[in-house]
Protein backbone atom coordinates (compact mmCIF):
# COMPACT_ATOMS: atom_id res chain seq x y z
CA MET A 1 -40.16 -33.27 -140.26
CA SER A 2 -43.38 -34.14 -138.30
CA LEU A 3 -41.98 -32.28 -135.09
CA LEU A 4 -40.61 -29.46 -137.22
CA LYS A 5 -43.94 -28.97 -138.35
CA LYS A 6 -45.26 -29.18 -135.17
CA LEU A 7 -42.91 -26.54 -133.61
CA ALA A 8 -43.81 -24.33 -136.63
CA GLY A 9 -47.22 -24.47 -136.08
CA GLU A 10 -47.03 -23.80 -132.58
CA THR A 11 -44.06 -21.25 -133.47
CA ALA A 12 -46.88 -19.37 -135.61
CA ILE A 13 -49.46 -19.31 -133.27
CA TYR A 14 -47.53 -17.97 -130.12
CA GLY A 15 -46.05 -15.69 -133.00
CA MET A 16 -49.51 -14.38 -133.00
CA SER A 17 -49.51 -13.87 -129.60
CA SER A 18 -46.30 -12.32 -129.08
CA ILE A 19 -45.97 -10.69 -132.40
CA LEU A 20 -49.62 -9.06 -132.88
CA PRO A 21 -49.33 -7.23 -129.48
CA ARG A 22 -45.98 -5.72 -129.68
CA LEU A 23 -46.53 -5.19 -133.34
CA LEU A 24 -49.45 -3.22 -132.29
CA ASN A 25 -47.45 -1.31 -130.02
CA PHE A 26 -45.15 -0.30 -132.42
CA VAL A 27 -47.47 0.79 -135.43
CA LEU A 28 -49.78 2.57 -133.02
CA LEU A 29 -47.95 3.52 -129.81
CA THR A 30 -44.53 4.43 -131.09
CA PRO A 31 -45.36 7.23 -133.80
CA PHE A 32 -47.79 8.66 -131.30
CA LEU A 33 -45.32 8.67 -127.91
CA THR A 34 -42.26 9.61 -130.52
CA ARG A 35 -44.50 12.64 -131.77
CA VAL A 36 -45.73 13.68 -128.19
CA LEU A 37 -43.05 12.95 -125.65
CA SER A 38 -40.04 14.75 -126.13
CA LYS A 39 -36.75 13.26 -126.38
CA ALA A 40 -36.08 13.26 -122.60
CA ASP A 41 -39.29 11.92 -121.73
CA TYR A 42 -39.17 9.13 -124.09
CA GLY A 43 -35.79 8.56 -122.37
CA ILE A 44 -37.03 8.34 -118.99
CA PHE A 45 -39.78 5.90 -119.76
CA SER A 46 -36.86 3.78 -121.66
CA ASP A 47 -34.54 3.99 -118.43
CA LEU A 48 -37.14 3.24 -115.96
CA TYR A 49 -38.64 0.02 -118.00
CA THR A 50 -35.09 -1.25 -118.02
CA TYR A 51 -35.69 -2.18 -114.61
CA VAL A 52 -39.15 -3.66 -115.12
CA ALA A 53 -37.19 -6.14 -117.41
CA PHE A 54 -34.50 -6.91 -114.84
CA PHE A 55 -36.68 -7.42 -111.74
CA ASN A 56 -39.07 -9.60 -113.52
CA ILE A 57 -36.42 -11.75 -113.95
CA LEU A 58 -35.66 -11.71 -110.19
CA LEU A 59 -39.16 -11.62 -108.91
CA THR A 60 -40.20 -14.92 -111.18
CA PHE A 61 -37.44 -17.00 -110.33
CA ARG A 62 -37.71 -18.55 -113.40
CA MET A 63 -40.10 -20.76 -112.29
CA GLU A 64 -41.64 -20.64 -115.41
CA THR A 65 -38.62 -23.13 -117.39
CA ALA A 66 -38.42 -24.85 -113.68
CA TYR A 67 -42.61 -25.43 -114.16
CA PHE A 68 -42.06 -26.70 -117.82
CA ARG A 69 -38.93 -29.28 -116.25
CA TYR A 70 -40.93 -30.63 -113.46
CA ALA A 71 -44.49 -31.06 -115.21
CA GLN A 72 -43.36 -33.33 -117.99
CA LYS A 73 -44.92 -36.18 -115.27
CA GLN A 74 -48.63 -35.97 -115.49
CA GLU A 75 -49.07 -36.95 -111.88
CA ASP A 76 -46.95 -33.87 -110.97
CA VAL A 77 -48.33 -31.22 -112.99
CA GLU A 78 -50.80 -29.88 -110.11
CA ARG A 79 -48.42 -30.62 -107.59
CA THR A 80 -45.62 -28.40 -109.32
CA PHE A 81 -48.39 -25.74 -110.49
CA SER A 82 -49.25 -25.12 -106.76
CA THR A 83 -46.02 -25.04 -105.25
CA SER A 84 -44.11 -22.52 -107.87
CA THR A 85 -47.49 -20.45 -107.87
CA LEU A 86 -48.04 -19.97 -104.25
CA PHE A 87 -44.22 -19.35 -103.95
CA LEU A 88 -44.24 -16.78 -106.37
CA LEU A 89 -47.44 -14.98 -104.71
CA LEU A 90 -45.69 -15.15 -101.14
CA SER A 91 -42.37 -13.44 -102.52
CA THR A 92 -44.18 -11.11 -104.66
CA LEU A 93 -46.44 -9.52 -101.86
CA VAL A 94 -43.19 -9.10 -99.76
CA PHE A 95 -41.36 -7.68 -102.46
CA THR A 96 -44.20 -5.28 -103.22
CA GLY A 97 -44.89 -3.94 -99.88
CA ILE A 98 -41.13 -3.55 -99.18
CA ALA A 99 -40.54 -1.53 -102.33
CA LEU A 100 -43.38 0.51 -102.12
CA PHE A 101 -42.39 2.02 -98.52
CA LEU A 102 -39.24 2.63 -100.30
CA ALA A 103 -40.74 4.47 -103.32
CA GLN A 104 -39.27 7.67 -102.32
CA PRO A 105 -35.49 6.93 -102.00
CA ILE A 106 -35.75 4.58 -104.92
CA ALA A 107 -37.22 7.78 -107.10
CA ASP A 108 -34.26 9.82 -105.40
CA LEU A 109 -31.68 7.21 -106.59
CA GLN A 110 -32.66 7.31 -109.92
CA GLN A 111 -32.78 11.07 -110.32
CA TYR A 112 -36.27 11.46 -110.28
CA PRO A 113 -37.02 12.80 -106.78
CA LYS A 114 -39.85 14.80 -108.00
CA HIS A 115 -41.68 11.61 -109.48
CA PRO A 116 -42.04 8.84 -106.81
CA GLU A 117 -45.31 8.05 -108.96
CA PHE A 118 -43.05 6.76 -111.43
CA ILE A 119 -41.41 4.15 -108.96
CA VAL A 120 -45.17 3.14 -107.73
CA ALA A 121 -46.39 2.49 -111.08
CA LEU A 122 -43.37 0.12 -111.96
CA ILE A 123 -43.51 -1.99 -108.64
CA LEU A 124 -47.12 -2.41 -109.11
CA ILE A 125 -46.49 -3.41 -112.87
CA LEU A 126 -44.01 -5.85 -111.65
CA GLY A 127 -46.00 -7.52 -108.72
CA LEU A 128 -48.97 -7.93 -111.19
CA ASP A 129 -46.71 -9.34 -114.11
CA THR A 130 -45.03 -11.77 -111.78
CA LEU A 131 -48.77 -13.08 -110.64
CA THR A 132 -49.50 -14.19 -113.98
CA ALA A 133 -45.76 -15.89 -114.49
CA ILE A 134 -46.75 -19.13 -113.93
CA PRO A 135 -50.51 -19.52 -115.36
CA PHE A 136 -49.05 -18.04 -118.50
CA ALA A 137 -46.52 -20.95 -118.67
CA ARG A 138 -49.65 -23.39 -117.85
CA LEU A 139 -51.10 -22.07 -120.72
CA ARG A 140 -47.84 -22.89 -122.96
CA PHE A 141 -47.34 -26.44 -121.32
CA GLU A 142 -50.68 -27.11 -121.96
CA ASN A 143 -50.54 -26.08 -125.82
CA ARG A 144 -53.26 -23.57 -125.33
CA PRO A 145 -51.72 -20.75 -127.32
CA LEU A 146 -55.13 -19.27 -128.70
CA ARG A 147 -56.11 -18.57 -124.92
CA PHE A 148 -52.67 -17.53 -124.53
CA MET A 149 -53.11 -15.05 -127.43
CA GLY A 150 -56.22 -13.60 -126.57
CA ILE A 151 -55.06 -12.52 -123.09
CA LYS A 152 -52.24 -10.90 -124.41
CA LEU A 153 -54.45 -9.16 -126.80
CA ILE A 154 -56.61 -7.80 -124.67
CA ASN A 155 -53.83 -6.65 -122.44
CA VAL A 156 -52.45 -4.70 -125.16
CA VAL A 157 -55.42 -3.21 -126.80
CA VAL A 158 -56.46 -1.80 -123.00
CA ASN A 159 -53.29 -0.30 -122.96
CA ILE A 160 -52.94 1.47 -126.19
CA LEU A 161 -56.70 2.56 -125.51
CA LEU A 162 -55.95 4.08 -122.29
CA VAL A 163 -52.30 5.47 -123.79
CA PHE A 164 -54.65 7.53 -126.49
CA PHE A 165 -57.19 8.40 -123.98
CA TYR A 166 -54.90 9.91 -121.47
CA LEU A 167 -52.47 11.74 -123.85
CA TYR A 168 -54.63 12.69 -126.21
CA PHE A 169 -58.39 13.00 -125.59
CA CYS A 170 -57.94 13.85 -121.55
CA PRO A 171 -55.97 17.00 -122.58
CA LYS A 172 -58.86 18.17 -125.24
CA LEU A 173 -61.98 17.24 -123.31
CA GLU A 174 -60.55 18.64 -119.77
CA GLN A 175 -60.86 22.31 -121.48
CA LYS A 176 -64.60 21.75 -121.20
CA ALA A 177 -66.11 22.47 -117.63
CA ALA A 178 -68.42 19.31 -117.80
CA TRP A 179 -65.20 17.38 -118.56
CA GLN A 180 -63.14 18.60 -115.65
CA TRP A 181 -63.50 15.42 -113.56
CA LEU A 182 -61.08 13.30 -115.75
CA GLN A 183 -58.37 14.80 -114.36
CA TYR A 184 -58.69 13.01 -111.51
CA LEU A 185 -58.50 9.58 -113.42
CA HIS A 186 -54.78 9.99 -114.44
CA PHE A 187 -51.50 12.47 -113.80
CA LYS A 188 -52.87 15.69 -115.29
CA ASP A 189 -49.81 17.31 -117.25
CA ASN A 190 -47.69 14.12 -116.56
CA MET A 191 -47.37 12.33 -119.81
CA VAL A 192 -45.08 9.76 -118.29
CA GLY A 193 -46.85 9.07 -115.52
CA ASP A 194 -50.07 8.60 -117.58
CA VAL A 195 -47.93 5.92 -119.93
CA PHE A 196 -47.02 4.08 -116.85
CA LEU A 197 -50.36 4.04 -115.44
CA ALA A 198 -51.88 2.77 -118.78
CA ASN A 199 -49.49 -0.14 -118.28
CA VAL A 200 -50.40 -0.39 -114.76
CA VAL A 201 -54.22 -1.07 -115.73
CA GLY A 202 -52.93 -3.27 -118.71
CA SER A 203 -50.98 -5.31 -116.00
CA ALA A 204 -54.35 -5.67 -113.89
CA VAL A 205 -56.57 -6.90 -116.27
CA ASN A 206 -53.83 -9.61 -117.45
CA LEU A 207 -54.32 -10.90 -113.77
CA LEU A 208 -58.19 -10.75 -113.65
CA GLN A 209 -58.42 -12.82 -116.67
CA VAL A 210 -55.94 -15.81 -115.13
CA LEU A 211 -57.74 -15.05 -111.85
CA PRO A 212 -59.82 -18.46 -112.32
CA THR A 213 -56.53 -20.41 -112.47
CA TYR A 214 -55.89 -19.57 -108.94
CA LEU A 215 -59.26 -20.06 -107.48
CA ARG A 216 -59.07 -23.88 -108.83
CA MET A 217 -55.59 -24.51 -107.61
CA LYS A 218 -54.65 -26.42 -104.47
CA LEU A 219 -53.52 -24.69 -101.42
CA GLN A 220 -50.40 -26.30 -100.97
CA ILE A 221 -46.46 -26.14 -101.32
CA ASP A 222 -44.23 -29.09 -101.79
CA TRP A 223 -41.16 -27.66 -100.04
CA VAL A 224 -39.00 -30.60 -101.43
CA LEU A 225 -40.12 -29.86 -105.12
CA LEU A 226 -39.63 -26.22 -104.18
CA ARG A 227 -36.19 -26.76 -103.34
CA GLN A 228 -35.41 -28.81 -106.52
CA MET A 229 -37.14 -26.24 -108.78
CA LEU A 230 -35.13 -23.35 -107.07
CA ARG A 231 -31.86 -25.23 -107.66
CA TYR A 232 -32.85 -26.09 -110.95
CA SER A 233 -34.03 -22.34 -111.88
CA PHE A 234 -30.86 -20.16 -110.21
CA PRO A 235 -28.51 -20.63 -112.61
CA LEU A 236 -31.12 -19.56 -114.97
CA VAL A 237 -31.84 -16.43 -113.07
CA LEU A 238 -28.23 -15.42 -113.25
CA ALA A 239 -28.53 -16.41 -117.08
CA GLY A 240 -31.69 -13.99 -117.45
CA VAL A 241 -30.29 -11.35 -115.17
CA ALA A 242 -27.20 -11.36 -117.68
CA GLY A 243 -29.33 -11.21 -120.58
CA VAL A 244 -30.95 -8.36 -119.36
CA ILE A 245 -27.78 -6.81 -118.84
CA ASN A 246 -26.62 -7.38 -122.23
CA GLN A 247 -29.63 -6.25 -124.01
CA LEU A 248 -30.49 -3.31 -121.72
CA ILE A 249 -27.95 -2.14 -119.64
CA GLY A 250 -26.61 0.64 -122.09
CA THR A 251 -29.74 2.44 -121.58
CA PRO A 252 -29.00 3.22 -117.72
CA LEU A 253 -25.34 3.55 -118.53
CA LEU A 254 -26.22 6.34 -120.96
CA LYS A 255 -27.97 8.38 -118.70
CA PHE A 256 -25.44 7.97 -115.73
CA LEU A 257 -21.94 7.97 -117.53
CA GLY A 258 -23.07 9.80 -120.89
CA VAL A 259 -20.77 13.14 -121.42
CA GLY A 260 -23.74 15.92 -121.11
CA ASP A 261 -25.87 16.59 -118.39
CA LEU A 262 -28.88 14.55 -117.32
CA ASN A 263 -31.27 16.10 -119.68
CA ASN A 264 -29.07 15.67 -122.68
CA ASN A 265 -28.15 12.19 -121.91
CA LEU A 266 -32.11 11.41 -121.50
CA GLU A 267 -32.40 12.60 -125.03
CA GLU A 268 -29.55 10.50 -126.12
CA VAL A 269 -31.59 7.21 -124.30
CA GLY A 270 -34.87 8.38 -125.82
CA VAL A 271 -33.08 8.53 -129.31
CA TYR A 272 -31.48 4.97 -129.28
CA SER A 273 -34.31 3.49 -127.23
CA ALA A 274 -36.75 4.64 -130.40
CA ALA A 275 -34.18 3.03 -132.52
CA VAL A 276 -34.18 -0.28 -130.86
CA LYS A 277 -38.05 -0.60 -131.80
CA ILE A 278 -37.55 -0.92 -135.61
CA PRO A 279 -35.70 -4.17 -134.99
CA VAL A 280 -39.04 -5.11 -133.35
CA MET A 281 -39.89 -7.60 -136.01
CA MET A 282 -36.71 -9.66 -135.65
CA ASN A 283 -37.20 -9.39 -132.05
CA LEU A 284 -40.72 -10.75 -132.21
CA PHE A 285 -39.97 -13.90 -134.17
CA THR A 286 -37.44 -14.69 -131.61
CA GLN A 287 -39.43 -14.18 -128.51
CA ALA A 288 -42.19 -16.40 -130.80
CA PHE A 289 -39.91 -19.20 -131.40
CA ASN A 290 -38.42 -19.20 -127.91
CA TYR A 291 -42.40 -19.37 -126.21
CA ALA A 292 -43.01 -22.29 -128.78
CA ALA A 293 -39.59 -23.95 -128.45
CA GLU A 294 -38.82 -23.90 -124.78
CA PRO A 295 -42.19 -26.55 -123.82
CA PHE A 296 -41.97 -28.32 -127.29
CA PHE A 297 -38.74 -29.20 -126.93
CA PHE A 298 -39.13 -30.45 -123.34
CA ARG A 299 -42.40 -32.40 -124.33
CA ASN A 300 -40.40 -34.45 -127.35
CA ALA A 301 -37.13 -34.51 -125.58
CA ASN A 302 -37.71 -38.47 -125.64
CA GLU A 303 -38.87 -38.72 -129.09
CA LYS A 304 -37.01 -40.52 -131.76
CA GLY A 305 -35.50 -37.87 -134.30
CA SER A 306 -35.63 -35.04 -131.91
CA GLU A 307 -31.98 -34.72 -131.99
CA LYS A 308 -32.17 -33.59 -136.04
CA VAL A 309 -35.00 -31.51 -135.50
CA TYR A 310 -32.49 -29.20 -133.30
CA GLY A 311 -30.32 -28.65 -136.30
CA GLN A 312 -33.12 -28.16 -138.73
CA VAL A 313 -34.73 -25.53 -136.27
CA ALA A 314 -31.30 -23.65 -136.19
CA GLN A 315 -31.29 -23.42 -140.28
CA ALA A 316 -34.95 -22.69 -140.49
CA PHE A 317 -34.49 -19.66 -137.61
CA THR A 318 -31.13 -18.45 -139.56
CA LEU A 319 -33.16 -18.19 -143.05
CA VAL A 320 -36.07 -16.49 -141.28
CA SER A 321 -33.91 -14.10 -139.28
CA CYS A 322 -31.83 -13.29 -142.61
CA VAL A 323 -34.71 -12.34 -144.49
CA ALA A 324 -36.29 -10.04 -141.53
CA PHE A 325 -32.80 -8.25 -141.33
CA LEU A 326 -33.06 -7.97 -145.36
CA GLY A 327 -36.24 -6.85 -145.47
CA ILE A 328 -36.21 -4.19 -142.45
CA MET A 329 -33.06 -2.70 -144.07
CA LEU A 330 -34.32 -2.72 -147.70
CA ASN A 331 -37.27 -1.05 -146.45
CA ILE A 332 -35.44 1.56 -143.82
CA ASP A 333 -36.30 4.76 -145.69
CA TRP A 334 -40.01 4.35 -145.04
CA VAL A 335 -40.06 2.01 -142.11
CA GLY A 336 -38.13 4.76 -140.51
CA LEU A 337 -40.97 7.07 -140.90
CA PHE A 338 -42.94 5.28 -137.91
CA LEU A 339 -40.54 7.16 -135.45
CA GLY A 340 -41.06 11.09 -135.23
CA GLU A 341 -38.75 13.20 -136.96
CA ASN A 342 -36.92 14.35 -133.81
CA PHE A 343 -35.96 10.55 -133.50
CA ARG A 344 -34.75 9.48 -136.68
CA GLU A 345 -31.16 10.55 -136.31
CA GLY A 346 -30.55 7.03 -134.52
CA LEU A 347 -31.58 4.80 -137.54
CA ASP A 348 -27.69 4.69 -137.96
CA THR A 349 -27.66 2.27 -135.49
CA VAL A 350 -30.40 -0.12 -136.88
CA PRO A 351 -28.07 -2.33 -139.02
CA VAL A 352 -26.17 -3.12 -135.87
CA LEU A 353 -28.98 -4.07 -133.80
CA LEU A 354 -30.70 -6.05 -136.28
CA LEU A 355 -27.63 -8.41 -136.46
CA ALA A 356 -27.25 -8.20 -132.97
CA ASN A 357 -30.60 -9.67 -132.49
CA LEU A 358 -29.83 -12.37 -135.09
CA PHE A 359 -27.12 -13.67 -133.05
CA LEU A 360 -29.29 -13.50 -129.82
CA GLY A 361 -31.78 -15.68 -131.42
CA LEU A 362 -28.80 -18.20 -132.62
CA PHE A 363 -27.31 -18.28 -128.79
CA THR A 364 -31.21 -19.36 -128.02
CA THR A 365 -31.46 -21.78 -130.41
CA PHE A 366 -27.67 -23.34 -129.18
CA SER A 367 -28.83 -23.21 -125.75
CA ILE A 368 -31.57 -25.44 -125.33
CA TRP A 369 -29.10 -28.13 -124.73
CA TYR A 370 -28.17 -27.25 -121.18
CA LYS A 371 -31.90 -27.04 -120.09
CA LEU A 372 -32.69 -30.43 -121.43
CA ILE A 373 -29.87 -32.47 -119.81
CA ASP A 374 -29.91 -30.43 -116.60
CA ARG A 375 -26.69 -28.23 -117.01
CA THR A 376 -28.23 -24.69 -116.37
CA ALA A 377 -24.92 -23.75 -114.87
CA VAL A 378 -23.27 -23.64 -118.26
CA GLY A 379 -25.82 -20.82 -119.65
CA GLY A 380 -25.27 -18.72 -116.63
CA TRP A 381 -21.48 -19.00 -116.89
CA VAL A 382 -22.14 -17.96 -120.71
CA ALA A 383 -24.66 -15.33 -120.03
CA LEU A 384 -22.48 -14.00 -117.02
CA GLY A 385 -19.71 -13.61 -119.59
CA GLY A 386 -21.57 -11.84 -122.01
CA ALA A 387 -22.87 -9.45 -119.41
CA LEU A 388 -18.85 -8.52 -118.37
CA ILE A 389 -18.16 -7.74 -122.12
CA THR A 390 -21.33 -5.72 -122.02
CA ILE A 391 -20.72 -3.68 -119.08
CA VAL A 392 -17.00 -3.04 -119.68
CA LEU A 393 -17.43 -2.00 -123.33
CA ASN A 394 -20.33 0.14 -122.55
CA VAL A 395 -18.48 2.11 -119.94
CA VAL A 396 -15.44 2.57 -122.12
CA LEU A 397 -17.30 3.66 -125.28
CA ILE A 398 -19.95 5.65 -123.43
CA LYS A 399 -16.91 7.38 -121.49
CA GLN A 400 -15.01 8.45 -124.83
CA GLY A 401 -18.20 9.96 -126.51
CA TYR A 402 -19.75 7.44 -128.47
CA GLY A 403 -23.45 8.19 -127.23
CA TYR A 404 -26.05 5.63 -128.20
CA TYR A 405 -23.68 4.07 -131.00
CA ALA A 406 -21.86 2.56 -127.64
CA PRO A 407 -24.49 0.19 -126.54
CA ALA A 408 -25.54 -1.01 -130.39
CA TRP A 409 -22.19 -2.05 -130.97
CA THR A 410 -21.77 -3.39 -127.73
CA ALA A 411 -24.97 -5.88 -128.10
CA LEU A 412 -23.44 -7.09 -131.41
CA ILE A 413 -20.12 -8.38 -130.07
CA CYS A 414 -21.51 -9.75 -127.10
CA TYR A 415 -23.90 -11.65 -128.99
CA VAL A 416 -21.54 -13.00 -131.22
CA PHE A 417 -19.32 -14.30 -128.21
CA MET A 418 -22.09 -15.84 -126.65
CA THR A 419 -23.22 -17.63 -129.78
CA ILE A 420 -19.55 -19.19 -130.39
CA VAL A 421 -19.27 -20.14 -126.80
CA SER A 422 -22.55 -21.57 -126.35
CA TYR A 423 -22.10 -23.83 -129.89
CA TRP A 424 -18.86 -24.80 -128.63
CA ALA A 425 -19.89 -25.79 -124.96
CA GLY A 426 -23.01 -27.80 -126.56
CA GLN A 427 -20.60 -29.74 -129.18
CA LYS A 428 -18.49 -30.57 -125.95
CA TYR A 429 -21.51 -31.98 -123.70
CA HIS A 430 -24.70 -32.71 -125.83
CA PRO A 431 -23.31 -32.91 -129.13
CA ILE A 432 -25.58 -31.85 -132.02
CA HIS A 433 -25.28 -31.57 -135.86
CA TYR A 434 -25.94 -28.11 -137.03
CA PRO A 435 -25.92 -27.20 -140.92
CA LEU A 436 -22.97 -24.54 -140.33
CA GLY A 437 -22.38 -24.18 -143.81
CA ARG A 438 -25.99 -23.51 -145.09
CA MET A 439 -26.09 -21.02 -142.09
CA ALA A 440 -23.30 -19.34 -142.80
CA LEU A 441 -24.37 -19.18 -146.77
CA TYR A 442 -27.62 -17.47 -145.82
CA PHE A 443 -26.02 -14.62 -143.66
CA LEU A 444 -23.29 -14.23 -145.84
CA LEU A 445 -25.32 -13.63 -149.00
CA ALA A 446 -27.85 -11.38 -146.59
CA LEU A 447 -24.73 -9.13 -145.72
CA PHE A 448 -23.61 -9.31 -149.35
CA ALA A 449 -27.22 -7.98 -150.61
CA TYR A 450 -27.30 -5.58 -147.98
CA GLY A 451 -23.77 -3.89 -148.98
CA LEU A 452 -24.69 -4.09 -152.56
CA SER A 453 -28.33 -1.91 -151.38
CA GLU A 454 -25.85 0.31 -150.17
CA GLY A 455 -23.62 0.74 -152.54
CA LEU A 456 -26.32 1.61 -155.36
CA ARG A 457 -28.01 4.10 -152.54
CA TYR A 458 -24.72 5.75 -152.76
CA LEU A 459 -24.77 5.79 -156.70
CA ALA A 460 -28.32 6.58 -156.96
CA HIS A 461 -27.80 10.19 -154.83
CA GLY A 462 -30.80 9.73 -152.66
CA ALA A 463 -33.39 9.07 -155.61
CA LEU A 464 -35.84 7.41 -152.93
CA PRO A 465 -38.11 5.86 -155.99
CA VAL A 466 -34.81 4.39 -157.75
CA ILE A 467 -33.54 3.35 -154.17
CA LEU A 468 -37.00 1.62 -153.11
CA SER A 469 -36.99 -0.42 -156.60
CA ILE A 470 -33.54 -1.67 -156.71
CA ASN A 471 -33.90 -2.55 -152.92
CA PHE A 472 -36.98 -4.52 -154.20
CA LEU A 473 -34.93 -6.37 -156.86
CA ILE A 474 -32.38 -7.09 -154.39
CA LEU A 475 -34.93 -8.74 -151.98
CA LEU A 476 -36.25 -10.82 -155.02
CA ALA A 477 -32.55 -11.89 -155.91
CA TYR A 478 -32.05 -13.39 -152.54
CA PHE A 479 -35.06 -15.29 -152.41
CA ALA A 480 -34.24 -16.85 -155.84
CA ALA A 481 -30.78 -17.53 -154.76
CA ILE A 482 -32.00 -19.17 -151.60
CA ALA A 483 -34.48 -21.45 -153.48
CA TRP A 484 -31.99 -22.50 -155.71
CA ILE A 485 -29.75 -23.31 -153.00
CA GLU A 486 -32.52 -25.37 -151.39
CA LYS A 487 -33.46 -26.95 -154.81
CA PRO A 488 -33.69 -30.43 -153.57
CA LEU A 489 -35.52 -29.53 -150.24
CA ILE A 490 -37.99 -27.76 -152.21
CA LYS A 491 -38.58 -30.76 -154.53
CA ARG A 492 -38.82 -33.23 -151.71
CA LEU A 493 -41.61 -31.18 -150.04
CA LEU A 494 -43.43 -30.31 -153.24
CA VAL A 495 -43.43 -34.31 -153.57
CA ARG A 496 -44.69 -35.04 -150.51
CA ASN A 497 -47.30 -32.46 -150.44
CA LYS A 498 -48.82 -34.19 -153.57
CA ARG A 499 -48.40 -37.49 -152.30
CA GLN A 500 -50.63 -36.39 -149.49
């Protein structure tokens, strides 16, 4: 239980560092951008950011996880840090130089020939973010979540302030002669370009904050160690690329394969991408858990009782995810107001996307075993299988005219498959007892509560106060059912707290 409490504490702090920035983005930026940008412009922004996620995996070579793996021995910490950091520095400089030279051909390929500045901005974001990867990993490994959180918060505050400055204040101020010089600080009459520019500055601020780490490190690369790290991380790169495909490939496929013209397809992308923002709360918890869990499991892999903790973690994760699913869906009437009116048509995909994120979290939980015993190739194959399912189903469903429903349902099917296969492989190579009965009970009760809510919504004929009141009672009933199911555990915790 002590290990589980420790992980819960670290997850809470890392949760603040990952949830707060993205929650601020959701609460402040999403309502703003979905009201000032057209659906097509929002689609362009979302489409290109798919490639940022994809190339982030390729450029970092998943060296963060390799760093955790090879920095376990105290005498190897500095050597591992300098080797991984310098390798990424050199590879990033080469990539950035080549990519900037090819910015216009890339813009042509992406069907944005008049906007190579979009590509230049994305290349700079990629390069700057890659250079902060290992310094951030070091903060996590050294268990310095407050410093980690501070850097992340500064980044998102700078980004949000600049987006409002460029898109809201500059157009008003530039109408006055005394402020016309502001037009030279941003892309005038190019809102999408301004959003990208704000992101570039935010990434640069991140790098400046971790720059002292670069200045203190030894300028040496251990080539033997580097080969070991690359061999370890290569399957994780494949898994990471497959993961990005599973999560985001629907966006560019909607653009290129949709049944409409380019503008109509970009509008579909915009609506779907806005809807994806709603499940952000569950996504954020998953990310917070991953930030804390990965270094935690490596640090405590040899601790007595650590195997039991894995099952407890999976159970706790399932419960919290089910609560998040119900909390969002039973309050979707007002949560949906965060989106601009033109974007709310995509809200029907939200329950599917929430369930997809729940299974993505379970897949992550069931997959920690292969990193601990150096069987990362298994994770790579599972993710590649999921990617194949994602690509095939998206292509088929999008071409048949299902629009933004295609990537939503495809994501759910893919993650269910990956969760089942990862669990089965784990039981074969590194058996861990998971309380599947309790986990399934949490899940089925959540689905029943949601189904009951939808049925009563239909009977209420759209009376919003009645619907919200009913949903509040359903959520309370779910909590009461969980408390009754876990009554023995709650009693043990209360007794232990009294003794302490």
